[in-house]
Amino acid sequence: MSQDRTAGDLIFETITAMGQEEQEHCIHCNEKWYSIHYRDGVCHSCQQKNLPGRTELARRSRHIRIMYGLGIAALLFLIGRAIFG
């Protein structure tokens, strides 16, 4: 670190760097947060509430679609058996 930098210079550089930090919206509360505080699309406040992130939601969605598809297939099978014996 250079000796000619003052505390004011360091504060200004820190504030400037924070302003350049990328921000995102939380997938649950839609609050805008700095990306450094995000984990899988969830802000710190929602992480404290144990709300799931993008990966977990995608996994749950995939399981729901599979179960829905199996239910439809079973229903069609039963209707086919009832009609055609």
Protein backbone atom coordinates (compact mmCIF):
# COMPACT_ATOMS: atom_id res chain seq x y z
CA MET A 1 0.00 0.00 0.00
CA SER A 2 1.26 3.41 -0.91
CA GLN A 3 2.24 5.80 1.92
CA ASP A 4 0.68 8.85 0.24
CA ARG A 5 -2.90 7.47 0.40
CA THR A 6 -5.04 8.92 3.17
CA ALA A 7 -7.88 7.36 5.08
CA GLY A 8 -10.27 9.51 3.05
CA ASP A 9 -8.83 8.05 -0.17
CA LEU A 10 -9.33 4.53 1.13
CA ILE A 11 -12.92 5.26 2.16
CA PHE A 12 -13.65 6.80 -1.24
CA GLU A 13 -12.16 3.76 -3.02
CA THR A 14 -14.22 1.40 -0.86
CA ILE A 15 -17.46 3.27 -1.54
CA THR A 16 -16.67 3.38 -5.25
CA ALA A 17 -15.96 -0.37 -5.30
CA MET A 18 -19.24 -1.07 -3.47
CA GLY A 19 -21.13 1.01 -6.01
CA GLN A 20 -19.63 -1.05 -8.81
CA GLU A 21 -20.56 -4.35 -7.13
CA GLU A 22 -23.26 -6.17 -9.08
CA GLN A 23 -26.71 -6.29 -7.51
CA GLU A 24 -29.42 -8.92 -7.94
CA HIS A 25 -33.05 -9.35 -6.94
CA CYS A 26 -33.93 -12.08 -4.43
CA ILE A 27 -36.15 -14.80 -5.94
CA HIS A 28 -38.38 -14.77 -2.83
CA CYS A 29 -38.74 -11.20 -1.55
CA ASN A 30 -37.56 -9.41 -4.75
CA GLU A 31 -35.33 -7.09 -2.69
CA LYS A 32 -32.23 -5.81 -4.45
CA TRP A 33 -29.01 -6.97 -2.77
CA TYR A 34 -25.32 -7.05 -3.58
CA SER A 35 -24.43 -10.31 -5.26
CA ILE A 36 -21.75 -11.02 -2.66
CA HIS A 37 -24.54 -11.61 -0.11
CA TYR A 38 -26.44 -14.00 -2.38
CA ARG A 39 -26.45 -17.74 -2.33
CA ASP A 40 -28.22 -19.41 -5.22
CA GLY A 41 -30.46 -16.37 -5.87
CA VAL A 42 -31.56 -15.91 -2.25
CA CYS A 43 -30.73 -12.82 -0.17
CA HIS A 44 -29.30 -13.06 3.34
CA SER A 45 -32.67 -12.35 5.01
CA CYS A 46 -34.40 -15.16 3.13
CA GLN A 47 -31.43 -17.47 3.79
CA GLN A 48 -32.02 -16.86 7.50
CA LYS A 49 -35.63 -18.05 6.98
CA ASN A 50 -34.28 -21.25 5.31
CA LEU A 51 -36.02 -20.50 2.01
CA PRO A 52 -34.78 -22.66 -0.89
CA GLY A 53 -32.55 -21.37 -3.66
CA ARG A 54 -32.85 -21.70 -7.44
CA THR A 55 -31.25 -25.16 -7.51
CA GLU A 56 -33.62 -26.60 -4.88
CA LEU A 57 -36.68 -25.02 -6.53
CA ALA A 58 -35.66 -26.44 -9.92
CA ARG A 59 -35.20 -29.89 -8.36
CA ARG A 60 -38.63 -29.70 -6.71
CA SER A 61 -40.22 -28.52 -9.95
CA ARG A 62 -38.65 -31.41 -11.86
CA HIS A 63 -40.00 -33.93 -9.31
CA ILE A 64 -43.48 -32.40 -9.50
CA ARG A 65 -43.47 -32.63 -13.31
CA ILE A 66 -42.37 -36.28 -13.16
CA MET A 67 -45.08 -37.15 -10.63
CA TYR A 68 -47.69 -35.28 -12.69
CA GLY A 69 -46.64 -37.17 -15.82
CA LEU A 70 -46.79 -40.53 -14.02
CA GLY A 71 -50.25 -39.68 -12.70
CA ILE A 72 -51.53 -38.82 -16.18
CA ALA A 73 -49.99 -42.01 -17.60
CA ALA A 74 -51.62 -44.13 -14.88
CA LEU A 75 -54.98 -42.45 -15.47
CA LEU A 76 -54.78 -43.07 -19.22
CA PHE A 77 -53.82 -46.70 -18.58
CA LEU A 78 -56.85 -47.22 -16.32
CA ILE A 79 -59.20 -45.54 -18.80
CA GLY A 80 -57.79 -47.73 -21.60
CA ARG A 81 -58.32 -50.88 -19.55
CA ALA A 82 -61.88 -49.84 -18.71
CA ILE A 83 -62.75 -49.14 -22.35
CA PHE A 84 -60.94 -52.01 -24.08
CA GLY A 85 -61.04 -54.53 -21.27
